[in-house]
C-alpha atoms as a PDB file:
ATOM      1  CA  MET A   1    -111.533-134.598 179.833  1.00  0.00           C
ATOM      2  CA  ASP A   2    -109.096-135.416 176.849  1.00  0.00           C
ATOM      3  CA  GLU A   3    -107.887-133.750 174.279  1.00  0.00           C
ATOM      4  CA  TYR A   4    -110.627-134.337 171.825  1.00  0.00           C
ATOM      5  CA  GLU A   5    -113.367-133.604 173.902  1.00  0.00           C
ATOM      6  CA  ARG A   6    -111.339-129.863 174.710  1.00  0.00           C
ATOM      7  CA  ASN A   7    -110.812-129.393 171.144  1.00  0.00           C
ATOM      8  CA  GLN A   8    -114.817-129.864 170.341  1.00  0.00           C
ATOM      9  CA  GLN A   9    -115.742-127.205 173.067  1.00  0.00           C
ATOM     10  CA  GLY A  10    -113.083-124.872 171.579  1.00  0.00           C
ATOM     11  CA  PRO A  11    -109.980-123.347 172.871  1.00  0.00           C
ATOM     12  CA  ARG A  12    -109.655-122.460 176.312  1.00  0.00           C
ATOM     13  CA  ARG A  13    -109.885-119.236 177.667  1.00  0.00           C
ATOM     14  CA  ALA A  14    -107.629-117.669 180.416  1.00  0.00           C
ATOM     15  CA  LEU A  15    -107.969-114.408 182.113  1.00  0.00           C
ATOM     16  CA  VAL A  16    -104.787-112.708 182.978  1.00  0.00           C
ATOM     17  CA  PHE A  17    -103.835-109.867 185.031  1.00  0.00           C
ATOM     18  CA  GLY A  18    -100.101-108.327 184.785  1.00  0.00           C
ATOM     19  CA  GLY A  19     -99.572-109.258 181.520  1.00  0.00           C
ATOM     20  CA  SER A  20     -97.602-106.523 180.149  1.00  0.00           C
ATOM     21  CA  GLY A  21     -94.775-107.207 183.099  1.00  0.00           C
ATOM     22  CA  GLN A  22     -91.839-109.570 182.471  1.00  0.00           C
ATOM     23  CA  ILE A  23     -93.318-112.658 183.693  1.00  0.00           C
ATOM     24  CA  GLY A  24     -96.509-111.817 182.102  1.00  0.00           C
ATOM     25  CA  GLU A  25     -95.424-111.108 178.856  1.00  0.00           C
ATOM     26  CA  ARG A  26     -93.908-114.543 178.523  1.00  0.00           C
ATOM     27  CA  LEU A  27     -96.922-116.015 179.950  1.00  0.00           C
ATOM     28  CA  LEU A  28     -99.081-114.565 177.033  1.00  0.00           C
ATOM     29  CA  THR A  29     -96.725-116.241 174.386  1.00  0.00           C
ATOM     30  CA  ASN A  30     -97.126-119.788 176.219  1.00  0.00           C
ATOM     31  CA  LEU A  31    -100.890-119.505 175.912  1.00  0.00           C
ATOM     32  CA  HIS A  32    -101.033-118.585 172.580  1.00  0.00           C
ATOM     33  CA  ASP A  33     -98.558-121.220 171.406  1.00  0.00           C
ATOM     34  CA  ALA A  34    -101.102-123.843 173.160  1.00  0.00           C
ATOM     35  CA  GLY A  35    -104.014-122.132 171.789  1.00  0.00           C
ATOM     36  CA  TRP A  36    -105.520-120.642 174.401  1.00  0.00           C
ATOM     37  CA  GLN A  37    -108.309-117.442 174.021  1.00  0.00           C
ATOM     38  CA  VAL A  38    -106.730-114.753 176.641  1.00  0.00           C
ATOM     39  CA  THR A  39    -108.546-112.089 178.213  1.00  0.00           C
ATOM     40  CA  ALA A  40    -105.421-109.582 179.561  1.00  0.00           C
ATOM     41  CA  VAL A  41    -106.705-106.739 181.678  1.00  0.00           C
ATOM     42  CA  SER A  42    -104.518-103.283 181.548  1.00  0.00           C
ATOM     43  CA  ARG A  43    -104.505 -99.787 183.121  1.00  0.00           C
ATOM     44  CA  HIS A  44    -102.916 -98.734 179.950  1.00  0.00           C
ATOM     45  CA  ALA A  45    -104.219 -99.445 176.226  1.00  0.00           C
ATOM     46  CA  GLN A  46    -102.791-102.154 174.517  1.00  0.00           C
ATOM     47  CA  GLN A  47    -102.801-103.893 171.101  1.00  0.00           C
ATOM     48  CA  SER A  48    -105.383-106.688 170.773  1.00  0.00           C
ATOM     49  CA  ARG A  49    -104.626-109.363 168.309  1.00  0.00           C
ATOM     50  CA  PRO A  50    -105.846-112.579 167.406  1.00  0.00           C
ATOM     51  CA  GLY A  51    -106.118-114.968 170.255  1.00  0.00           C
ATOM     52  CA  LEU A  52    -105.409-112.140 172.754  1.00  0.00           C
ATOM     53  CA  GLU A  53    -108.181-109.625 173.818  1.00  0.00           C
ATOM     54  CA  TRP A  54    -106.804-106.392 175.889  1.00  0.00           C
ATOM     55  CA  ILE A  55    -109.337-104.888 178.189  1.00  0.00           C
ATOM     56  CA  SER A  56    -108.827-101.467 180.276  1.00  0.00           C
ATOM     57  CA  GLY A  57    -109.081-102.304 183.984  1.00  0.00           C
ATOM     58  CA  ASP A  58    -106.887-103.072 186.877  1.00  0.00           C
ATOM     59  CA  LEU A  59    -107.657-104.523 190.465  1.00  0.00           C
ATOM     60  CA  SER A  60    -109.556-102.056 192.208  1.00  0.00           C
ATOM     61  CA  GLY A  61    -112.794-102.176 190.543  1.00  0.00           C
ATOM     62  CA  THR A  62    -115.588-104.597 190.341  1.00  0.00           C
ATOM     63  CA  TRP A  63    -115.311-107.120 187.274  1.00  0.00           C
ATOM     64  CA  GLN A  64    -117.819-106.622 184.452  1.00  0.00           C
ATOM     65  CA  GLY A  65    -116.268-108.897 182.187  1.00  0.00           C
ATOM     66  CA  ALA A  66    -117.136-112.777 181.183  1.00  0.00           C
ATOM     67  CA  ALA A  67    -118.123-114.751 184.314  1.00  0.00           C
ATOM     68  CA  GLY A  68    -116.150-118.138 183.472  1.00  0.00           C
ATOM     69  CA  PHE A  69    -112.506-118.991 182.521  1.00  0.00           C
ATOM     70  CA  ASP A  70    -110.699-122.282 182.016  1.00  0.00           C
ATOM     71  CA  ALA A  71    -108.029-120.300 184.538  1.00  0.00           C
ATOM     72  CA  ILE A  72    -107.252-117.061 186.128  1.00  0.00           C
ATOM     73  CA  PHE A  73    -103.302-116.008 185.993  1.00  0.00           C
ATOM     74  CA  SER A  74    -102.243-113.092 188.482  1.00  0.00           C
ATOM     75  CA  CYS A  75     -98.681-112.306 187.116  1.00  0.00           C
ATOM     76  CA  GLY A  76     -98.875-108.419 189.464  1.00  0.00           C
ATOM     77  CA  PRO A  77     -98.892-107.595 192.831  1.00  0.00           C
ATOM     78  CA  LEU A  78    -100.407-110.579 194.890  1.00  0.00           C
ATOM     79  CA  ASP A  79    -101.867-108.063 197.674  1.00  0.00           C
ATOM     80  CA  HIS A  80    -104.248-106.482 195.098  1.00  0.00           C
ATOM     81  CA  PHE A  81    -105.050-109.668 193.081  1.00  0.00           C
ATOM     82  CA  ALA A  82    -105.702-111.608 196.493  1.00  0.00           C
ATOM     83  CA  ARG A  83    -108.408-108.864 197.676  1.00  0.00           C
ATOM     84  CA  TRP A  84    -110.106-108.349 194.068  1.00  0.00           C
ATOM     85  CA  PHE A  85    -110.627-112.288 193.796  1.00  0.00           C
ATOM     86  CA  ALA A  86    -112.272-112.057 197.002  1.00  0.00           C
ATOM     87  CA  ALA A  87    -114.440-109.542 196.201  1.00  0.00           C
ATOM     88  CA  ASN A  88    -115.601-110.841 192.413  1.00  0.00           C
ATOM     89  CA  THR A  89    -116.747-113.835 191.808  1.00  0.00           C
ATOM     90  CA  VAL A  90    -115.380-115.171 188.553  1.00  0.00           C
ATOM     91  CA  ASN A  91    -115.637-119.038 187.891  1.00  0.00           C
ATOM     92  CA  ALA A  92    -112.492-120.388 187.389  1.00  0.00           C
ATOM     93  CA  PRO A  93    -111.376-124.015 188.100  1.00  0.00           C
ATOM     94  CA  HIS A  94    -107.890-122.895 187.800  1.00  0.00           C
ATOM     95  CA  VAL A  95    -106.240-120.011 190.090  1.00  0.00           C
ATOM     96  CA  ILE A  96    -101.994-119.363 189.568  1.00  0.00           C
ATOM     97  CA  ALA A  97    -100.670-116.427 191.213  1.00  0.00           C
ATOM     98  CA  PHE A  98     -97.216-114.817 191.749  1.00  0.00           C
ATOM     99  CA  GLY A  99     -95.945-113.856 194.528  1.00  0.00           C
ATOM    100  CA  SER A 100     -92.311-113.524 195.927  1.00  0.00           C
ATOM    101  CA  THR A 101     -89.859-115.070 198.162  1.00  0.00           C
ATOM    102  CA  SER A 102     -89.652-112.015 199.889  1.00  0.00           C
ATOM    103  CA  VAL A 103     -92.689-113.669 201.882  1.00  0.00           C
ATOM    104  CA  ASP A 104     -89.821-115.464 204.060  1.00  0.00           C
ATOM    105  CA  VAL A 105     -86.652-113.184 202.950  1.00  0.00           C
ATOM    106  CA  LYS A 106     -88.374-110.190 204.953  1.00  0.00           C
ATOM    107  CA  GLN A 107     -90.330-110.776 207.422  1.00  0.00           C
ATOM    108  CA  ASP A 108     -87.517-110.231 209.933  1.00  0.00           C
ATOM    109  CA  SER A 109     -86.005-107.277 208.058  1.00  0.00           C
ATOM    110  CA  ILE A 110     -84.149-104.350 210.092  1.00  0.00           C
ATOM    111  CA  GLU A 111     -86.243-102.159 207.633  1.00  0.00           C
ATOM    112  CA  PRO A 112     -89.799-101.596 208.708  1.00  0.00           C
ATOM    113  CA  ALA A 113     -90.932-100.941 204.979  1.00  0.00           C
ATOM    114  CA  GLU A 114     -89.427-104.558 203.990  1.00  0.00           C
ATOM    115  CA  ARG A 115     -91.043-106.222 206.733  1.00  0.00           C
ATOM    116  CA  ASP A 116     -94.485-104.686 205.675  1.00  0.00           C
ATOM    117  CA  VAL A 117     -93.948-106.359 201.986  1.00  0.00           C
ATOM    118  CA  ALA A 118     -93.553-109.894 204.022  1.00  0.00           C
ATOM    119  CA  ARG A 119     -96.451-109.003 205.981  1.00  0.00           C
ATOM    120  CA  ARG A 120     -98.971-108.118 202.923  1.00  0.00           C
ATOM    121  CA  LEU A 121     -97.631-111.038 200.767  1.00  0.00           C
ATOM    122  CA  ARG A 122     -98.505-113.572 203.812  1.00  0.00           C
ATOM    123  CA  GLU A 123    -101.880-112.032 204.304  1.00  0.00           C
ATOM    124  CA  ALA A 124    -102.439-111.879 200.801  1.00  0.00           C
ATOM    125  CA  GLU A 125    -101.323-115.788 199.948  1.00  0.00           C
ATOM    126  CA  ALA A 126    -103.906-116.338 203.294  1.00  0.00           C
ATOM    127  CA  THR A 127    -106.742-114.726 201.557  1.00  0.00           C
ATOM    128  CA  LEU A 128    -106.261-116.308 198.060  1.00  0.00           C
ATOM    129  CA  PHE A 129    -106.372-119.850 199.355  1.00  0.00           C
ATOM    130  CA  ALA A 130    -109.097-119.153 202.018  1.00  0.00           C
ATOM    131  CA  THR A 131    -111.175-117.879 199.092  1.00  0.00           C
ATOM    132  CA  SER A 132    -110.382-120.753 196.731  1.00  0.00           C
ATOM    133  CA  ARG A 133    -111.212-123.073 199.575  1.00  0.00           C
ATOM    134  CA  GLU A 134    -114.666-121.599 199.588  1.00  0.00           C
ATOM    135  CA  ARG A 135    -114.947-121.885 195.836  1.00  0.00           C
ATOM    136  CA  GLY A 136    -113.465-124.991 195.371  1.00  0.00           C
ATOM    137  CA  VAL A 137    -110.636-123.629 193.256  1.00  0.00           C
ATOM    138  CA  ALA A 138    -107.201-125.438 193.047  1.00  0.00           C
ATOM    139  CA  ALA A 139    -105.134-122.519 193.641  1.00  0.00           C
ATOM    140  CA  THR A 140    -101.287-122.163 193.571  1.00  0.00           C
ATOM    141  CA  VAL A 141     -98.866-119.621 194.467  1.00  0.00           C
ATOM    142  CA  LEU A 142     -95.573-119.190 192.710  1.00  0.00           C
ATOM    143  CA  ARG A 143     -92.695-117.594 194.701  1.00  0.00           C
ATOM    144  CA  PRO A 144     -89.706-116.388 192.394  1.00  0.00           C
ATOM    145  CA  THR A 145     -86.511-115.182 193.910  1.00  0.00           C
ATOM    146  CA  LEU A 146     -83.910-112.575 191.841  1.00  0.00           C
ATOM    147  CA  VAL A 147     -85.650-112.782 188.275  1.00  0.00           C
ATOM    148  CA  TYR A 148     -83.803-112.333 185.249  1.00  0.00           C
ATOM    149  CA  GLY A 149     -83.939-112.691 181.724  1.00  0.00           C
ATOM    150  CA  ALA A 150     -86.124-109.928 179.998  1.00  0.00           C
ATOM    151  CA  GLY A 151     -83.701-106.668 181.453  1.00  0.00           C
ATOM    152  CA  ARG A 152     -86.737-105.447 183.338  1.00  0.00           C
ATOM    153  CA  ASP A 153     -85.831-106.579 186.766  1.00  0.00           C
ATOM    154  CA  LYS A 154     -84.836-104.431 189.505  1.00  0.00           C
ATOM    155  CA  THR A 155     -81.228-106.418 190.582  1.00  0.00           C
ATOM    156  CA  LEU A 156     -79.191-107.625 188.027  1.00  0.00           C
ATOM    157  CA  THR A 157     -80.114-105.205 184.862  1.00  0.00           C
ATOM    158  CA  VAL A 158     -79.208-102.532 187.419  1.00  0.00           C
ATOM    159  CA  ILE A 159     -75.903-103.997 187.924  1.00  0.00           C
ATOM    160  CA  ALA A 160     -75.510-104.166 184.360  1.00  0.00           C
ATOM    161  CA  GLY A 161     -76.797-100.496 183.586  1.00  0.00           C
ATOM    162  CA  MET A 162     -74.360 -99.057 186.476  1.00  0.00           C
ATOM    163  CA  ALA A 163     -71.410-101.043 185.224  1.00  0.00           C
ATOM    164  CA  ARG A 164     -71.740 -99.810 181.582  1.00  0.00           C
ATOM    165  CA  ARG A 165     -72.155 -96.111 182.553  1.00  0.00           C
ATOM    166  CA  SER A 166     -68.813 -96.266 184.857  1.00  0.00           C
ATOM    167  CA  GLY A 167     -66.629 -99.412 183.608  1.00  0.00           C
ATOM    168  CA  VAL A 168     -66.553-100.967 187.020  1.00  0.00           C
ATOM    169  CA  PHE A 169     -68.983-101.855 189.813  1.00  0.00           C
ATOM    170  CA  VAL A 170     -67.971-102.600 193.129  1.00  0.00           C
ATOM    171  CA  LEU A 171     -68.919-105.073 195.765  1.00  0.00           C
ATOM    172  CA  PRO A 172     -68.193-104.858 199.479  1.00  0.00           C
ATOM    173  CA  SER A 173     -65.840-107.858 200.255  1.00  0.00           C
ATOM    174  CA  SER A 174     -68.154-109.527 202.563  1.00  0.00           C
ATOM    175  CA  ALA A 175     -70.855-109.890 199.486  1.00  0.00           C
ATOM    176  CA  ASN A 176     -70.474-113.867 199.455  1.00  0.00           C
ATOM    177  CA  GLY A 177     -74.096-115.095 200.164  1.00  0.00           C
ATOM    178  CA  LEU A 178     -75.336-118.041 197.884  1.00  0.00           C
ATOM    179  CA  ARG A 179     -77.722-116.838 195.282  1.00  0.00           C
ATOM    180  CA  GLN A 180     -80.286-118.785 192.153  1.00  0.00           C
ATOM    181  CA  PRO A 181     -81.451-116.828 190.162  1.00  0.00           C
ATOM    182  CA  VAL A 182     -84.172-117.449 188.016  1.00  0.00           C
ATOM    183  CA  HIS A 183     -84.791-116.939 184.421  1.00  0.00           C
ATOM    184  CA  VAL A 184     -88.638-115.087 183.337  1.00  0.00           C
ATOM    185  CA  GLN A 185     -89.441-117.950 180.774  1.00  0.00           C
ATOM    186  CA  ASP A 186     -88.627-120.778 183.455  1.00  0.00           C
ATOM    187  CA  LEU A 187     -91.065-118.899 185.346  1.00  0.00           C
ATOM    188  CA  ALA A 188     -93.857-118.512 182.743  1.00  0.00           C
ATOM    189  CA  ASP A 189     -93.484-122.205 182.014  1.00  0.00           C
ATOM    190  CA  ALA A 190     -93.988-122.941 185.649  1.00  0.00           C
ATOM    191  CA  ALA A 191     -97.471-121.294 185.519  1.00  0.00           C
ATOM    192  CA  MET A 192     -98.483-123.914 182.693  1.00  0.00           C
ATOM    193  CA  GLN A 193     -97.035-126.627 184.222  1.00  0.00           C
ATOM    194  CA  VAL A 194     -98.869-125.996 187.469  1.00  0.00           C
ATOM    195  CA  LEU A 195    -102.255-126.427 185.190  1.00  0.00           C
ATOM    196  CA  SER A 196    -101.926-130.545 184.797  1.00  0.00           C
ATOM    197  CA  SER A 197    -100.739-131.140 188.518  1.00  0.00           C
ATOM    198  CA  PRO A 198    -103.961-131.916 190.605  1.00  0.00           C
ATOM    199  CA  ALA A 199    -101.089-131.865 193.527  1.00  0.00           C
ATOM    200  CA  ALA A 200    -100.368-128.083 193.182  1.00  0.00           C
ATOM    201  CA  ALA A 201    -103.871-127.355 194.085  1.00  0.00           C
ATOM    202  CA  GLY A 202    -103.397-125.128 197.511  1.00  0.00           C
ATOM    203  CA  GLN A 203     -99.763-125.131 197.514  1.00  0.00           C
ATOM    204  CA  ALA A 204     -97.387-122.193 197.505  1.00  0.00           C
ATOM    205  CA  TYR A 205     -93.904-122.988 195.975  1.00  0.00           C
ATOM    206  CA  ALA A 206     -90.314-121.229 195.830  1.00  0.00           C
ATOM    207  CA  LEU A 207     -89.284-121.125 192.315  1.00  0.00           C
ATOM    208  CA  GLY A 208     -85.404-120.610 192.029  1.00  0.00           C
ATOM    209  CA  GLY A 209     -83.329-121.104 189.097  1.00  0.00           C
ATOM    210  CA  GLY A 210     -81.093-124.426 188.627  1.00  0.00           C
ATOM    211  CA  GLU A 211     -78.134-123.103 189.886  1.00  0.00           C
ATOM    212  CA  VAL A 212     -76.968-121.722 192.719  1.00  0.00           C
ATOM    213  CA  LEU A 213     -73.622-119.483 193.076  1.00  0.00           C
ATOM    214  CA  GLY A 214     -72.052-117.027 195.300  1.00  0.00           C
ATOM    215  CA  TYR A 215     -72.904-113.376 195.234  1.00  0.00           C
ATOM    216  CA  SER A 216     -69.821-112.044 193.753  1.00  0.00           C
ATOM    217  CA  GLU A 217     -69.910-114.913 190.933  1.00  0.00           C
ATOM    218  CA  MET A 218     -73.134-113.990 190.228  1.00  0.00           C
ATOM    219  CA  VAL A 219     -71.829-110.317 189.151  1.00  0.00           C
ATOM    220  CA  ARG A 220     -68.669-111.196 187.918  1.00  0.00           C
ATOM    221  CA  ARG A 221     -71.011-113.531 184.926  1.00  0.00           C
ATOM    222  CA  VAL A 222     -73.132-110.545 184.396  1.00  0.00           C
ATOM    223  CA  LEU A 223     -70.098-108.273 183.812  1.00  0.00           C
ATOM    224  CA  ALA A 224     -68.496-110.954 181.530  1.00  0.00           C
ATOM    225  CA  ALA A 225     -71.504-111.172 179.293  1.00  0.00           C
ATOM    226  CA  LEU A 226     -71.159-107.406 179.024  1.00  0.00           C
ATOM    227  CA  GLU A 227     -69.741-106.177 175.462  1.00  0.00           C
ATOM    228  CA  SER A 228     -67.466-103.681 177.525  1.00  0.00           C
ATOM    229  CA  ARG A 229     -66.412-105.962 179.692  1.00  0.00           C
ATOM    230  CA  PRO A 230     -66.504-103.662 182.953  1.00  0.00           C
ATOM    231  CA  ARG A 231     -64.214-104.700 186.264  1.00  0.00           C
ATOM    232  CA  LEU A 232     -65.293-106.164 189.207  1.00  0.00           C
ATOM    233  CA  LEU A 233     -63.675-104.211 192.197  1.00  0.00           C
ATOM    234  CA  ARG A 234     -64.211-105.566 195.645  1.00  0.00           C
ATOM    235  CA  VAL A 235     -63.521-102.918 198.534  1.00  0.00           C
ATOM    236  CA  PRO A 236     -63.686-103.108 202.123  1.00  0.00           C
ATOM    237  CA  VAL A 237     -66.874-102.877 204.260  1.00  0.00           C
ATOM    238  CA  PRO A 238     -65.976 -99.496 206.051  1.00  0.00           C
ATOM    239  CA  LEU A 239     -65.304 -98.029 202.459  1.00  0.00           C
ATOM    240  CA  PHE A 240     -68.326 -99.415 200.419  1.00  0.00           C
ATOM    241  CA  ARG A 241     -70.331 -97.830 203.459  1.00  0.00           C
ATOM    242  CA  LEU A 242     -68.672 -94.530 202.532  1.00  0.00           C
ATOM    243  CA  VAL A 243     -69.304 -94.666 198.936  1.00  0.00           C
ATOM    244  CA  LEU A 244     -73.094 -95.519 199.589  1.00  0.00           C
ATOM    245  CA  ARG A 245     -73.579 -92.805 201.605  1.00  0.00           C
ATOM    246  CA  GLY A 246     -72.382 -90.354 199.009  1.00  0.00           C
ATOM    247  CA  ALA A 247     -74.865 -92.288 196.837  1.00  0.00           C
ATOM    248  CA  HIS A 248     -77.644 -91.824 198.631  1.00  0.00           C
ATOM    249  CA  ALA A 249     -76.815 -88.081 199.554  1.00  0.00           C
ATOM    250  CA  VAL A 250     -77.256 -87.432 195.343  1.00  0.00           C
ATOM    251  CA  GLY A 251     -80.413 -89.851 195.250  1.00  0.00           C
ATOM    252  CA  ARG A 252     -78.438 -92.613 193.786  1.00  0.00           C
ATOM    253  CA  LEU A 253     -78.860 -96.778 194.801  1.00  0.00           C
ATOM    254  CA  ARG A 254     -81.778 -95.737 197.301  1.00  0.00           C
ATOM    255  CA  GLY A 255     -82.584 -99.752 197.326  1.00  0.00           C
ATOM    256  CA  MET A 256     -79.438-100.447 198.512  1.00  0.00           C
ATOM    257  CA  ASN A 257     -80.490 -99.886 202.659  1.00  0.00           C
ATOM    258  CA  ALA A 258     -78.824-101.327 204.971  1.00  0.00           C
ATOM    259  CA  ALA A 259     -80.888-104.295 204.955  1.00  0.00           C
ATOM    260  CA  ALA A 260     -80.312-105.120 201.281  1.00  0.00           C
ATOM    261  CA  LEU A 261     -76.343-104.506 202.375  1.00  0.00           C
ATOM    262  CA  ALA A 262     -76.480-107.491 204.614  1.00  0.00           C
ATOM    263  CA  ARG A 263     -78.211-109.764 202.517  1.00  0.00           C
ATOM    264  CA  THR A 264     -75.636-109.953 200.076  1.00  0.00           C
ATOM    265  CA  GLN A 265     -73.795-112.019 202.902  1.00  0.00           C
ATOM    266  CA  GLU A 266     -77.203-114.387 203.188  1.00  0.00           C
ATOM    267  CA  PRO A 267     -77.488-117.632 201.673  1.00  0.00           C
ATOM    268  CA  LEU A 268     -80.997-117.059 200.056  1.00  0.00           C
ATOM    269  CA  VAL A 269     -81.248-120.148 198.620  1.00  0.00           C
ATOM    270  CA  PHE A 270     -84.572-122.049 198.401  1.00  0.00           C
ATOM    271  CA  ASP A 271     -85.578-125.716 197.992  1.00  0.00           C
ATOM    272  CA  ILE A 272     -87.360-126.167 194.511  1.00  0.00           C
ATOM    273  CA  GLU A 273     -87.624-129.788 195.000  1.00  0.00           C
ATOM    274  CA  PRO A 274     -91.346-129.946 196.199  1.00  0.00           C
ATOM    275  CA  ALA A 275     -91.772-127.767 192.159  1.00  0.00           C
ATOM    276  CA  ARG A 276     -89.678-130.532 190.376  1.00  0.00           C
ATOM    277  CA  ARG A 277     -91.910-133.411 192.080  1.00  0.00           C
ATOM    278  CA  ASP A 278     -95.296-131.601 191.937  1.00  0.00           C
ATOM    279  CA  PHE A 279     -95.430-130.343 188.373  1.00  0.00           C
ATOM    280  CA  GLY A 280     -91.667-130.950 186.531  1.00  0.00           C
ATOM    281  CA  TYR A 281     -90.277-128.089 187.323  1.00  0.00           C
ATOM    282  CA  ALA A 282     -86.764-127.659 185.595  1.00  0.00           C
ATOM    283  CA  PRO A 283     -85.181-124.238 185.544  1.00  0.00           C
ATOM    284  CA  ARG A 284     -81.985-123.297 183.655  1.00  0.00           C
ATOM    285  CA  PRO A 285     -78.454-122.846 184.901  1.00  0.00           C
ATOM    286  CA  PHE A 286     -77.544-119.100 184.940  1.00  0.00           C
ATOM    287  CA  LEU A 287     -75.846-119.034 181.738  1.00  0.00           C
ATOM    288  CA  ILE A 288     -76.164-115.244 180.669  1.00  0.00           C
ATOM    289  CA  ASP A 289     -75.953-113.099 177.972  1.00  0.00           C
ATOM    290  CA  ALA A 290     -76.379-109.258 177.701  1.00  0.00           C
ATOM    291  CA  SER A 291     -79.768-109.385 175.853  1.00  0.00           C
ATOM    292  CA  MET A 292     -80.980-111.102 179.460  1.00  0.00           C
ATOM    293  CA  VAL A 293     -80.270-107.709 181.501  1.00  0.00           C
ATOM    294  CA  THR A 294     -80.086-105.120 178.979  1.00  0.00           C
ATOM    295  CA  ALA A 295     -83.384-102.559 179.521  1.00  0.00           C
ATOM    296  CA  PRO A 296     -85.575-102.852 176.503  1.00  0.00           C
ATOM    297  CA  GLU A 297     -85.067 -99.215 176.114  1.00  0.00           C
ATOM    298  CA  SER A 298     -81.560 -99.049 175.983  1.00  0.00           C
ATOM    299  CA  ALA A 299     -81.488-102.148 173.669  1.00  0.00           C
ATOM    300  CA  ALA A 300     -83.597 -99.940 170.901  1.00  0.00           C
END
């Protein structure tokens, strides 16, 4: 179908889950700018606007809305979406769902909860692809790593917030593992690019950023972007563990468990060449400013 024929049939229609999240909100803007008519599902009341209809719902119930769309996008938990998709017959030739590189990174974690995350992601991908094959749907899973850019991530924005409050950020001297942070807009753009790529059907792609850098260098750039210019303090691992135990004792830094600490030394770098080849993925380098790691409520 050429562009003229598509315009004669009216705007393309998308169903979006997770549209209020950090990736989803950018995707909604992309779809709006491309002239799509969007139905977005949310558990909380949202304000509809021309081209975007918000409806109340979640991924636990039976779908009661329109039966056909040009594409379905999932920007929320992949396991919940895969179950929903298998249980509800909604016609769409394309399904694009976000997962996570945790499917690989955490599968051998020393933390049982992290291994469970990897297992659920792996099973969700298998369910989604199996359902899509049965229905003749072109499904693609996008696996981001270390997302930033909207001030809503759980890593760099948390680091920036802690550094603002204390004027310093402490890292263990062993934190030299490689990282590949990816901007949230590049992920939203990738979801759109997949639509025009037949090669992406039935595939899962790791989506890292356009630059690989060491963990400490990544943190240094975050701190340098902040107006207060907090200091980066690197300390011996035994001292860091002692400080961490103290933080845990008062209910802080729970996310920095033994497995997370060990990963600061690991090279978490992913091959993005398949995404470049199949749909033109072109992520930006890690050039950061304070707005990208400032929580929205802090900026208000």
